[in-house]
Amino acid sequence: MRSYSASPVMGQMMNQPLLISSIIEYAAKHFGNSEIVSRRVEGDLHRYTYRDLHTRSRQMANVLKGLGVQMGDRVATLAWNGYRHMELYYAVSGSGAVLHTINPRLHPE
């Protein structure tokens, strides 16, 4: 019979909280050279890695902090579904603010 040891934190299954920031940190650490490809509004392809995404998201989080965005604040975005929006997703959510994506094509009701 196999014996399982208890988690280092009493009664919890994980050693750390599951956060948006930990997801991109994991991707950068384990898949840092994997390529992310998105089509820009201009029509060309944008290519970079998970490591690049992580770096740029941290930079944007620092910019938001410099602008006075604090934990729990809401940040609305109006952006195409591409690399810039993905950077904002990790920057805003990873810094503890709440990301609200605006879709102007939705009907008011």
PDB file of N, CA and C in Angstrom:
ATOM      1  N   MET A   1       0.841  -1.171   0.000  1.00  0.00           N
ATOM      2  CA  MET A   1       0.000   0.000   0.000  1.00  0.00           C
ATOM      3  C   MET A   1       0.888   1.237   0.000  1.00  0.00           C
ATOM      4  N   ARG A   2       0.533   2.189  -0.825  1.00  0.00           N
ATOM      5  CA  ARG A   2       1.306   3.413  -0.958  1.00  0.00           C
ATOM      6  C   ARG A   2       0.871   4.431   0.090  1.00  0.00           C
ATOM      7  N   SER A   3       1.833   5.097   0.664  1.00  0.00           N
ATOM      8  CA  SER A   3       1.557   6.124   1.666  1.00  0.00           C
ATOM      9  C   SER A   3       1.776   7.502   1.039  1.00  0.00           C
ATOM     10  N   TYR A   4       0.857   8.401   1.274  1.00  0.00           N
ATOM     11  CA  TYR A   4       0.966   9.764   0.765  1.00  0.00           C
ATOM     12  C   TYR A   4       1.246  10.705   1.918  1.00  0.00           C
ATOM     13  N   SER A   5       2.230  11.567   1.738  1.00  0.00           N
ATOM     14  CA  SER A   5       2.548  12.518   2.799  1.00  0.00           C
ATOM     15  C   SER A   5       1.640  13.735   2.689  1.00  0.00           C
ATOM     16  N   ALA A   6       1.449  14.376   3.813  1.00  0.00           N
ATOM     17  CA  ALA A   6       0.613  15.574   3.861  1.00  0.00           C
ATOM     18  C   ALA A   6       1.313  16.734   3.161  1.00  0.00           C
ATOM     19  N   SER A   7       0.514  17.638   2.650  1.00  0.00           N
ATOM     20  CA  SER A   7       1.042  18.850   2.024  1.00  0.00           C
ATOM     21  C   SER A   7       1.745  19.686   3.079  1.00  0.00           C
ATOM     22  N   PRO A   8       2.779  20.456   2.688  1.00  0.00           N
ATOM     23  CA  PRO A   8       3.486  21.299   3.643  1.00  0.00           C
ATOM     24  C   PRO A   8       2.577  22.297   4.354  1.00  0.00           C
ATOM     25  N   VAL A   9       1.498  22.706   3.718  1.00  0.00           N
ATOM     26  CA  VAL A   9       0.542  23.605   4.355  1.00  0.00           C
ATOM     27  C   VAL A   9      -0.625  22.753   4.820  1.00  0.00           C
ATOM     28  N   MET A  10      -0.898  22.780   6.098  1.00  0.00           N
ATOM     29  CA  MET A  10      -1.909  21.904   6.695  1.00  0.00           C
ATOM     30  C   MET A  10      -3.255  21.974   5.965  1.00  0.00           C
ATOM     31  N   GLY A  11      -3.698  20.837   5.474  1.00  0.00           N
ATOM     32  CA  GLY A  11      -5.012  20.717   4.891  1.00  0.00           C
ATOM     33  C   GLY A  11      -5.175  21.273   3.493  1.00  0.00           C
ATOM     34  N   GLN A  12      -4.130  21.773   2.883  1.00  0.00           N
ATOM     35  CA  GLN A  12      -4.245  22.329   1.538  1.00  0.00           C
ATOM     36  C   GLN A  12      -3.545  21.427   0.536  1.00  0.00           C
ATOM     37  N   MET A  13      -4.052  21.421  -0.673  1.00  0.00           N
ATOM     38  CA  MET A  13      -3.487  20.564  -1.705  1.00  0.00           C
ATOM     39  C   MET A  13      -2.316  21.208  -2.428  1.00  0.00           C
ATOM     40  N   MET A  14      -2.194  22.544  -2.326  1.00  0.00           N
ATOM     41  CA  MET A  14      -1.156  23.247  -3.076  1.00  0.00           C
ATOM     42  C   MET A  14      -0.232  23.988  -2.119  1.00  0.00           C
ATOM     43  N   ASN A  15       0.997  24.215  -2.561  1.00  0.00           N
ATOM     44  CA  ASN A  15       1.967  24.948  -1.756  1.00  0.00           C
ATOM     45  C   ASN A  15       1.832  26.455  -1.910  1.00  0.00           C
ATOM     46  N   GLN A  16       1.103  26.885  -2.913  1.00  0.00           N
ATOM     47  CA  GLN A  16       0.940  28.311  -3.156  1.00  0.00           C
ATOM     48  C   GLN A  16      -0.453  28.546  -3.708  1.00  0.00           C
ATOM     49  N   PRO A  17      -0.965  29.775  -3.575  1.00  0.00           N
ATOM     50  CA  PRO A  17      -2.291  30.055  -4.128  1.00  0.00           C
ATOM     51  C   PRO A  17      -2.264  30.022  -5.649  1.00  0.00           C
ATOM     52  N   LEU A  18      -3.381  29.661  -6.246  1.00  0.00           N
ATOM     53  CA  LEU A  18      -3.500  29.627  -7.702  1.00  0.00           C
ATOM     54  C   LEU A  18      -3.862  31.029  -8.172  1.00  0.00           C
ATOM     55  N   LEU A  19      -2.899  31.724  -8.731  1.00  0.00           N
ATOM     56  CA  LEU A  19      -3.066  33.097  -9.179  1.00  0.00           C
ATOM     57  C   LEU A  19      -2.810  33.210 -10.677  1.00  0.00           C
ATOM     58  N   ILE A  20      -3.390  34.223 -11.306  1.00  0.00           N
ATOM     59  CA  ILE A  20      -3.121  34.484 -12.725  1.00  0.00           C
ATOM     60  C   ILE A  20      -1.624  34.672 -12.943  1.00  0.00           C
ATOM     61  N   SER A  21      -0.981  35.406 -12.039  1.00  0.00           N
ATOM     62  CA  SER A  21       0.454  35.667 -12.191  1.00  0.00           C
ATOM     63  C   SER A  21       1.269  34.377 -12.140  1.00  0.00           C
ATOM     64  N   SER A  22       0.823  33.397 -11.355  1.00  0.00           N
ATOM     65  CA  SER A  22       1.578  32.143 -11.279  1.00  0.00           C
ATOM     66  C   SER A  22       1.440  31.329 -12.564  1.00  0.00           C
ATOM     67  N   ILE A  23       0.357  31.525 -13.293  1.00  0.00           N
ATOM     68  CA  ILE A  23       0.170  30.798 -14.554  1.00  0.00           C
ATOM     69  C   ILE A  23       1.197  31.257 -15.589  1.00  0.00           C
ATOM     70  N   ILE A  24       1.364  32.572 -15.743  1.00  0.00           N
ATOM     71  CA  ILE A  24       2.319  33.060 -16.739  1.00  0.00           C
ATOM     72  C   ILE A  24       3.751  32.830 -16.267  1.00  0.00           C
ATOM     73  N   GLU A  25       3.997  32.884 -14.971  1.00  0.00           N
ATOM     74  CA  GLU A  25       5.338  32.573 -14.454  1.00  0.00           C
ATOM     75  C   GLU A  25       5.701  31.124 -14.782  1.00  0.00           C
ATOM     76  N   TYR A  26       4.753  30.215 -14.606  1.00  0.00           N
ATOM     77  CA  TYR A  26       4.978  28.805 -14.919  1.00  0.00           C
ATOM     78  C   TYR A  26       5.268  28.629 -16.410  1.00  0.00           C
ATOM     79  N   ALA A  27       4.465  29.296 -17.244  1.00  0.00           N
ATOM     80  CA  ALA A  27       4.672  29.185 -18.697  1.00  0.00           C
ATOM     81  C   ALA A  27       6.041  29.720 -19.093  1.00  0.00           C
ATOM     82  N   ALA A  28       6.436  30.846 -18.518  1.00  0.00           N
ATOM     83  CA  ALA A  28       7.745  31.434 -18.845  1.00  0.00           C
ATOM     84  C   ALA A  28       8.881  30.528 -18.386  1.00  0.00           C
ATOM     85  N   LYS A  29       8.709  29.913 -17.231  1.00  0.00           N
ATOM     86  CA  LYS A  29       9.765  29.054 -16.684  1.00  0.00           C
ATOM     87  C   LYS A  29       9.901  27.742 -17.458  1.00  0.00           C
ATOM     88  N   HIS A  30       8.776  27.100 -17.764  1.00  0.00           N
ATOM     89  CA  HIS A  30       8.816  25.760 -18.353  1.00  0.00           C
ATOM     90  C   HIS A  30       8.674  25.742 -19.880  1.00  0.00           C
ATOM     91  N   PHE A  31       8.087  26.801 -20.440  1.00  0.00           N
ATOM     92  CA  PHE A  31       7.870  26.854 -21.889  1.00  0.00           C
ATOM     93  C   PHE A  31       8.317  28.199 -22.442  1.00  0.00           C
ATOM     94  N   GLY A  32       9.317  28.794 -21.812  1.00  0.00           N
ATOM     95  CA  GLY A  32       9.761  30.145 -22.137  1.00  0.00           C
ATOM     96  C   GLY A  32      10.103  30.387 -23.588  1.00  0.00           C
ATOM     97  N   ASN A  33      10.624  29.392 -24.269  1.00  0.00           N
ATOM     98  CA  ASN A  33      11.014  29.568 -25.673  1.00  0.00           C
ATOM     99  C   ASN A  33       9.906  29.200 -26.652  1.00  0.00           C
ATOM    100  N   SER A  34       8.764  28.717 -26.138  1.00  0.00           N
ATOM    101  CA  SER A  34       7.645  28.380 -27.022  1.00  0.00           C
ATOM    102  C   SER A  34       7.063  29.647 -27.626  1.00  0.00           C
ATOM    103  N   GLU A  35       6.727  29.551 -28.891  1.00  0.00           N
ATOM    104  CA  GLU A  35       6.288  30.726 -29.626  1.00  0.00           C
ATOM    105  C   GLU A  35       4.780  30.954 -29.512  1.00  0.00           C
ATOM    106  N   ILE A  36       4.421  32.217 -29.390  1.00  0.00           N
ATOM    107  CA  ILE A  36       3.026  32.657 -29.419  1.00  0.00           C
ATOM    108  C   ILE A  36       2.880  33.453 -30.713  1.00  0.00           C
ATOM    109  N   VAL A  37       1.885  33.096 -31.507  1.00  0.00           N
ATOM    110  CA  VAL A  37       1.680  33.776 -32.786  1.00  0.00           C
ATOM    111  C   VAL A  37       0.277  34.368 -32.789  1.00  0.00           C
ATOM    112  N   SER A  38       0.176  35.650 -33.126  1.00  0.00           N
ATOM    113  CA  SER A  38      -1.143  36.273 -33.275  1.00  0.00           C
ATOM    114  C   SER A  38      -1.129  37.188 -34.491  1.00  0.00           C
ATOM    115  N   ARG A  39      -2.304  37.363 -35.061  1.00  0.00           N
ATOM    116  CA  ARG A  39      -2.421  38.253 -36.215  1.00  0.00           C
ATOM    117  C   ARG A  39      -2.782  39.644 -35.711  1.00  0.00           C
ATOM    118  N   ARG A  40      -2.016  40.613 -36.161  1.00  0.00           N
ATOM    119  CA  ARG A  40      -2.260  41.999 -35.761  1.00  0.00           C
ATOM    120  C   ARG A  40      -3.361  42.608 -36.617  1.00  0.00           C
ATOM    121  N   VAL A  41      -3.947  43.693 -36.133  1.00  0.00           N
ATOM    122  CA  VAL A  41      -4.987  44.403 -36.883  1.00  0.00           C
ATOM    123  C   VAL A  41      -4.456  44.834 -38.244  1.00  0.00           C
ATOM    124  N   GLU A  42      -3.174  45.167 -38.281  1.00  0.00           N
ATOM    125  CA  GLU A  42      -2.547  45.596 -39.539  1.00  0.00           C
ATOM    126  C   GLU A  42      -2.440  44.468 -40.558  1.00  0.00           C
ATOM    127  N   GLY A  43      -2.675  43.229 -40.143  1.00  0.00           N
ATOM    128  CA  GLY A  43      -2.689  42.094 -41.059  1.00  0.00           C
ATOM    129  C   GLY A  43      -1.488  41.172 -40.972  1.00  0.00           C
ATOM    130  N   ASP A  44      -0.374  41.661 -40.429  1.00  0.00           N
ATOM    131  CA  ASP A  44       0.812  40.808 -40.335  1.00  0.00           C
ATOM    132  C   ASP A  44       0.753  39.953 -39.069  1.00  0.00           C
ATOM    133  N   LEU A  45       1.682  39.015 -38.976  1.00  0.00           N
ATOM    134  CA  LEU A  45       1.759  38.142 -37.805  1.00  0.00           C
ATOM    135  C   LEU A  45       2.753  38.702 -36.796  1.00  0.00           C
ATOM    136  N   HIS A  46       2.405  38.575 -35.545  1.00  0.00           N
ATOM    137  CA  HIS A  46       3.317  38.959 -34.463  1.00  0.00           C
ATOM    138  C   HIS A  46       3.745  37.667 -33.778  1.00  0.00           C
ATOM    139  N   ARG A  47       5.050  37.522 -33.574  1.00  0.00           N
ATOM    140  CA  ARG A  47       5.599  36.320 -32.951  1.00  0.00           C
ATOM    141  C   ARG A  47       6.483  36.709 -31.782  1.00  0.00           C
ATOM    142  N   TYR A  48       6.261  36.044 -30.665  1.00  0.00           N
ATOM    143  CA  TYR A  48       7.184  36.148 -29.543  1.00  0.00           C
ATOM    144  C   TYR A  48       6.977  34.969 -28.628  1.00  0.00           C
ATOM    145  N   THR A  49       7.686  34.928 -27.516  1.00  0.00           N
ATOM    146  CA  THR A  49       7.677  33.744 -26.653  1.00  0.00           C
ATOM    147  C   THR A  49       6.919  34.013 -25.361  1.00  0.00           C
ATOM    148  N   TYR A  50       6.671  32.936 -24.616  1.00  0.00           N
ATOM    149  CA  TYR A  50       6.051  33.078 -23.299  1.00  0.00           C
ATOM    150  C   TYR A  50       6.949  33.879 -22.362  1.00  0.00           C
ATOM    151  N   ARG A  51       8.253  33.765 -22.531  1.00  0.00           N
ATOM    152  CA  ARG A  51       9.181  34.560 -21.711  1.00  0.00           C
ATOM    153  C   ARG A  51       8.997  36.044 -22.022  1.00  0.00           C
ATOM    154  N   ASP A  52       8.859  36.375 -23.307  1.00  0.00           N
ATOM    155  CA  ASP A  52       8.614  37.760 -23.704  1.00  0.00           C
ATOM    156  C   ASP A  52       7.277  38.266 -23.145  1.00  0.00           C
ATOM    157  N   LEU A  53       6.259  37.437 -23.229  1.00  0.00           N
ATOM    158  CA  LEU A  53       4.941  37.799 -22.695  1.00  0.00           C
ATOM    159  C   LEU A  53       5.034  38.096 -21.205  1.00  0.00           C
ATOM    160  N   HIS A  54       5.725  37.257 -20.484  1.00  0.00           N
ATOM    161  CA  HIS A  54       5.888  37.442 -19.047  1.00  0.00           C
ATOM    162  C   HIS A  54       6.597  38.760 -18.744  1.00  0.00           C
ATOM    163  N   THR A  55       7.668  39.032 -19.455  1.00  0.00           N
ATOM    164  CA  THR A  55       8.426  40.270 -19.252  1.00  0.00           C
ATOM    165  C   THR A  55       7.563  41.494 -19.541  1.00  0.00           C
ATOM    166  N   ARG A  56       6.881  41.493 -20.684  1.00  0.00           N
ATOM    167  CA  ARG A  56       6.067  42.650 -21.058  1.00  0.00           C
ATOM    168  C   ARG A  56       4.870  42.828 -20.124  1.00  0.00           C
ATOM    169  N   SER A  57       4.302  41.738 -19.648  1.00  0.00           N
ATOM    170  CA  SER A  57       3.183  41.834 -18.705  1.00  0.00           C
ATOM    171  C   SER A  57       3.635  42.446 -17.383  1.00  0.00           C
ATOM    172  N   ARG A  58       4.810  42.063 -16.919  1.00  0.00           N
ATOM    173  CA  ARG A  58       5.347  42.667 -15.682  1.00  0.00           C
ATOM    174  C   ARG A  58       5.617  44.145 -15.882  1.00  0.00           C
ATOM    175  N   GLN A  59       6.144  44.510 -17.047  1.00  0.00           N
ATOM    176  CA  GLN A  59       6.384  45.927 -17.334  1.00  0.00           C
ATOM    177  C   GLN A  59       5.074  46.710 -17.314  1.00  0.00           C
ATOM    178  N   MET A  60       4.036  46.158 -17.924  1.00  0.00           N
ATOM    179  CA  MET A  60       2.742  46.841 -17.946  1.00  0.00           C
ATOM    180  C   MET A  60       2.149  46.919 -16.543  1.00  0.00           C
ATOM    181  N   ALA A  61       2.320  45.888 -15.743  1.00  0.00           N
ATOM    182  CA  ALA A  61       1.835  45.924 -14.358  1.00  0.00           C
ATOM    183  C   ALA A  61       2.512  47.059 -13.594  1.00  0.00           C
ATOM    184  N   ASN A  62       3.796  47.261 -13.839  1.00  0.00           N
ATOM    185  CA  ASN A  62       4.511  48.367 -13.197  1.00  0.00           C
ATOM    186  C   ASN A  62       4.008  49.726 -13.678  1.00  0.00           C
ATOM    187  N   VAL A  63       3.672  49.830 -14.960  1.00  0.00           N
ATOM    188  CA  VAL A  63       3.106  51.068 -15.489  1.00  0.00           C
ATOM    189  C   VAL A  63       1.764  51.353 -14.814  1.00  0.00           C
ATOM    190  N   LEU A  64       0.924  50.329 -14.714  1.00  0.00           N
ATOM    191  CA  LEU A  64      -0.379  50.498 -14.064  1.00  0.00           C
ATOM    192  C   LEU A  64      -0.213  50.947 -12.612  1.00  0.00           C
ATOM    193  N   LYS A  65       0.741  50.348 -11.926  1.00  0.00           N
ATOM    194  CA  LYS A  65       1.019  50.746 -10.537  1.00  0.00           C
ATOM    195  C   LYS A  65       1.436  52.213 -10.491  1.00  0.00           C
ATOM    196  N   GLY A  66       2.286  52.626 -11.420  1.00  0.00           N
ATOM    197  CA  GLY A  66       2.722  54.009 -11.498  1.00  0.00           C
ATOM    198  C   GLY A  66       1.581  54.975 -11.776  1.00  0.00           C
ATOM    199  N   LEU A  67       0.542  54.479 -12.452  1.00  0.00           N
ATOM    200  CA  LEU A  67      -0.632  55.296 -12.740  1.00  0.00           C
ATOM    201  C   LEU A  67      -1.615  55.310 -11.568  1.00  0.00           C
ATOM    202  N   GLY A  68      -1.288  54.566 -10.521  1.00  0.00           N
ATOM    203  CA  GLY A  68      -2.148  54.563  -9.333  1.00  0.00           C
ATOM    204  C   GLY A  68      -3.157  53.439  -9.265  1.00  0.00           C
ATOM    205  N   VAL A  69      -3.095  52.476 -10.186  1.00  0.00           N
ATOM    206  CA  VAL A  69      -4.014  51.338 -10.137  1.00  0.00           C
ATOM    207  C   VAL A  69      -3.639  50.459  -8.952  1.00  0.00           C
ATOM    208  N   GLN A  70      -4.632  50.174  -8.111  1.00  0.00           N
ATOM    209  CA  GLN A  70      -4.391  49.394  -6.895  1.00  0.00           C
ATOM    210  C   GLN A  70      -5.189  48.101  -6.922  1.00  0.00           C
ATOM    211  N   MET A  71      -4.878  47.223  -5.958  1.00  0.00           N
ATOM    212  CA  MET A  71      -5.572  45.947  -5.841  1.00  0.00           C
ATOM    213  C   MET A  71      -7.082  46.191  -5.730  1.00  0.00           C
ATOM    214  N   GLY A  72      -7.836  45.483  -6.544  1.00  0.00           N
ATOM    215  CA  GLY A  72      -9.290  45.591  -6.519  1.00  0.00           C
ATOM    216  C   GLY A  72      -9.851  46.646  -7.457  1.00  0.00           C
ATOM    217  N   ASP A  73      -9.013  47.546  -7.971  1.00  0.00           N
ATOM    218  CA  ASP A  73      -9.488  48.534  -8.939  1.00  0.00           C
ATOM    219  C   ASP A  73      -9.917  47.821 -10.212  1.00  0.00           C
ATOM    220  N   ARG A  74     -10.822  48.444 -10.939  1.00  0.00           N
ATOM    221  CA  ARG A  74     -11.279  47.882 -12.209  1.00  0.00           C
ATOM    222  C   ARG A  74     -10.585  48.604 -13.358  1.00  0.00           C
ATOM    223  N   VAL A  75     -10.110  47.821 -14.317  1.00  0.00           N
ATOM    224  CA  VAL A  75      -9.463  48.360 -15.508  1.00  0.00           C
ATOM    225  C   VAL A  75     -10.215  47.805 -16.715  1.00  0.00           C
ATOM    226  N   ALA A  76     -10.779  48.706 -17.513  1.00  0.00           N
ATOM    227  CA  ALA A  76     -11.515  48.295 -18.708  1.00  0.00           C
ATOM    228  C   ALA A  76     -10.582  48.312 -19.908  1.00  0.00           C
ATOM    229  N   THR A  77     -10.763  47.357 -20.791  1.00  0.00           N
ATOM    230  CA  THR A  77      -9.968  47.310 -22.012  1.00  0.00           C
ATOM    231  C   THR A  77     -10.892  47.223 -23.216  1.00  0.00           C
ATOM    232  N   LEU A  78     -10.465  47.879 -24.258  1.00  0.00           N
ATOM    233  CA  LEU A  78     -11.132  47.800 -25.545  1.00  0.00           C
ATOM    234  C   LEU A  78     -10.016  47.471 -26.529  1.00  0.00           C
ATOM    235  N   ALA A  79      -9.834  46.192 -26.789  1.00  0.00           N
ATOM    236  CA  ALA A  79      -8.688  45.763 -27.584  1.00  0.00           C
ATOM    237  C   ALA A  79      -9.066  44.542 -28.414  1.00  0.00           C
ATOM    238  N   TRP A  80      -8.379  44.396 -29.539  1.00  0.00           N
ATOM    239  CA  TRP A  80      -8.554  43.205 -30.352  1.00  0.00           C
ATOM    240  C   TRP A  80      -7.954  42.012 -29.624  1.00  0.00           C
ATOM    241  N   ASN A  81      -8.396  40.833 -29.990  1.00  0.00           N
ATOM    242  CA  ASN A  81      -7.929  39.610 -29.366  1.00  0.00           C
ATOM    243  C   ASN A  81      -6.570  39.238 -29.942  1.00  0.00           C
ATOM    244  N   GLY A  82      -5.512  39.852 -29.411  1.00  0.00           N
ATOM    245  CA  GLY A  82      -4.162  39.607 -29.891  1.00  0.00           C
ATOM    246  C   GLY A  82      -3.164  39.686 -28.753  1.00  0.00           C
ATOM    247  N   TYR A  83      -1.908  39.800 -29.107  1.00  0.00           N
ATOM    248  CA  TYR A  83      -0.860  39.745 -28.091  1.00  0.00           C
ATOM    249  C   TYR A  83      -0.931  40.914 -27.118  1.00  0.00           C
ATOM    250  N   ARG A  84      -1.315  42.083 -27.576  1.00  0.00           N
ATOM    251  CA  ARG A  84      -1.397  43.235 -26.667  1.00  0.00           C
ATOM    252  C   ARG A  84      -2.467  43.023 -25.606  1.00  0.00           C
ATOM    253  N   HIS A  85      -3.589  42.462 -26.015  1.00  0.00           N
ATOM    254  CA  HIS A  85      -4.659  42.214 -25.056  1.00  0.00           C
ATOM    255  C   HIS A  85      -4.267  41.114 -24.078  1.00  0.00           C
ATOM    256  N   MET A  86      -3.547  40.126 -24.550  1.00  0.00           N
ATOM    257  CA  MET A  86      -3.086  39.064 -23.657  1.00  0.00           C
ATOM    258  C   MET A  86      -2.115  39.627 -22.616  1.00  0.00           C
ATOM    259  N   GLU A  87      -1.259  40.544 -23.028  1.00  0.00           N
ATOM    260  CA  GLU A  87      -0.350  41.193 -22.078  1.00  0.00           C
ATOM    261  C   GLU A  87      -1.145  41.950 -21.010  1.00  0.00           C
ATOM    262  N   LEU A  88      -2.184  42.664 -21.437  1.00  0.00           N
ATOM    263  CA  LEU A  88      -3.025  43.374 -20.479  1.00  0.00           C
ATOM    264  C   LEU A  88      -3.735  42.414 -19.535  1.00  0.00           C
ATOM    265  N   TYR A  89      -4.188  41.280 -20.062  1.00  0.00           N
ATOM    266  CA  TYR A  89      -4.874  40.284 -19.234  1.00  0.00           C
ATOM    267  C   TYR A  89      -3.981  39.869 -18.062  1.00  0.00           C
ATOM    268  N   TYR A  90      -2.735  39.529 -18.347  1.00  0.00           N
ATOM    269  CA  TYR A  90      -1.825  39.107 -17.283  1.00  0.00           C
ATOM    270  C   TYR A  90      -1.351  40.271 -16.429  1.00  0.00           C
ATOM    271  N   ALA A  91      -1.170  41.450 -17.013  1.00  0.00           N
ATOM    272  CA  ALA A  91      -0.701  42.612 -16.254  1.00  0.00           C
ATOM    273  C   ALA A  91      -1.751  43.080 -15.257  1.00  0.00           C
ATOM    274  N   VAL A  92      -2.981  43.247 -15.713  1.00  0.00           N
ATOM    275  CA  VAL A  92      -4.046  43.756 -14.850  1.00  0.00           C
ATOM    276  C   VAL A  92      -4.421  42.722 -13.794  1.00  0.00           C
ATOM    277  N   SER A  93      -4.762  41.526 -14.244  1.00  0.00           N
ATOM    278  CA  SER A  93      -5.184  40.483 -13.305  1.00  0.00           C
ATOM    279  C   SER A  93      -4.053  40.070 -12.378  1.00  0.00           C
ATOM    280  N   GLY A  94      -2.846  39.988 -12.919  1.00  0.00           N
ATOM    281  CA  GLY A  94      -1.699  39.590 -12.115  1.00  0.00           C
ATOM    282  C   GLY A  94      -1.316  40.609 -11.065  1.00  0.00           C
ATOM    283  N   SER A  95      -1.699  41.863 -11.260  1.00  0.00           N
ATOM    284  CA  SER A  95      -1.375  42.894 -10.269  1.00  0.00           C
ATOM    285  C   SER A  95      -2.465  43.041  -9.217  1.00  0.00           C
ATOM    286  N   GLY A  96      -3.525  42.249  -9.329  1.00  0.00           N
ATOM    287  CA  GLY A  96      -4.578  42.273  -8.325  1.00  0.00           C
ATOM    288  C   GLY A  96      -5.762  43.146  -8.671  1.00  0.00           C
ATOM    289  N   ALA A  97      -5.710  43.798  -9.828  1.00  0.00           N
ATOM    290  CA  ALA A  97      -6.852  44.588 -10.284  1.00  0.00           C
ATOM    291  C   ALA A  97      -7.810  43.659 -11.038  1.00  0.00           C
ATOM    292  N   VAL A  98      -8.963  44.190 -11.378  1.00  0.00           N
ATOM    293  CA  VAL A  98      -9.984  43.405 -12.068  1.00  0.00           C
ATOM    294  C   VAL A  98     -10.056  43.874 -13.514  1.00  0.00           C
ATOM    295  N   LEU A  99      -9.887  42.944 -14.438  1.00  0.00           N
ATOM    296  CA  LEU A  99      -9.933  43.267 -15.863  1.00  0.00           C
ATOM    297  C   LEU A  99     -11.365  43.163 -16.363  1.00  0.00           C
ATOM    298  N   HIS A 100     -11.832  44.213 -17.008  1.00  0.00           N
ATOM    299  CA  HIS A 100     -13.166  44.228 -17.600  1.00  0.00           C
ATOM    300  C   HIS A 100     -13.002  44.458 -19.091  1.00  0.00           C
ATOM    301  N   THR A 101     -13.265  43.430 -19.873  1.00  0.00           N
ATOM    302  CA  THR A 101     -13.136  43.562 -21.320  1.00  0.00           C
ATOM    303  C   THR A 101     -14.443  44.105 -21.886  1.00  0.00           C
ATOM    304  N   ILE A 102     -14.336  45.167 -22.643  1.00  0.00           N
ATOM    305  CA  ILE A 102     -15.510  45.820 -23.220  1.00  0.00           C
ATOM    306  C   ILE A 102     -15.705  45.307 -24.643  1.00  0.00           C
ATOM    307  N   ASN A 103     -16.929  44.911 -24.966  1.00  0.00           N
ATOM    308  CA  ASN A 103     -17.258  44.460 -26.300  1.00  0.00           C
ATOM    309  C   ASN A 103     -18.339  45.394 -26.860  1.00  0.00           C
ATOM    310  N   PRO A 104     -17.945  46.355 -27.690  1.00  0.00           N
ATOM    311  CA  PRO A 104     -18.925  47.325 -28.193  1.00  0.00           C
ATOM    312  C   PRO A 104     -19.941  46.710 -29.169  1.00  0.00           C
ATOM    313  N   ARG A 105     -19.737  45.478 -29.588  1.00  0.00           N
ATOM    314  CA  ARG A 105     -20.669  44.846 -30.515  1.00  0.00           C
ATOM    315  C   ARG A 105     -21.845  44.201 -29.812  1.00  0.00           C
ATOM    316  N   LEU A 106     -21.829  44.140 -28.482  1.00  0.00           N
ATOM    317  CA  LEU A 106     -22.959  43.565 -27.749  1.00  0.00           C
ATOM    318  C   LEU A 106     -24.121  44.534 -27.746  1.00  0.00           C
ATOM    319  N   HIS A 107     -25.319  43.999 -27.756  1.00  0.00           N
ATOM    320  CA  HIS A 107     -26.513  44.833 -27.687  1.00  0.00           C
ATOM    321  C   HIS A 107     -26.662  45.401 -26.270  1.00  0.00           C
ATOM    322  N   PRO A 108     -27.174  46.599 -26.117  1.00  0.00           N
ATOM    323  CA  PRO A 108     -27.295  47.226 -24.789  1.00  0.00           C
ATOM    324  C   PRO A 108     -28.041  46.369 -23.772  1.00  0.00           C
ATOM    325  N   GLU A 109     -29.070  45.669 -24.195  1.00  0.00           N
ATOM    326  CA  GLU A 109     -29.808  44.845 -23.237  1.00  0.00           C
ATOM    327  C   GLU A 109     -29.027  43.607 -22.881  1.00  0.00           C
TER     328      GLU A 109
END
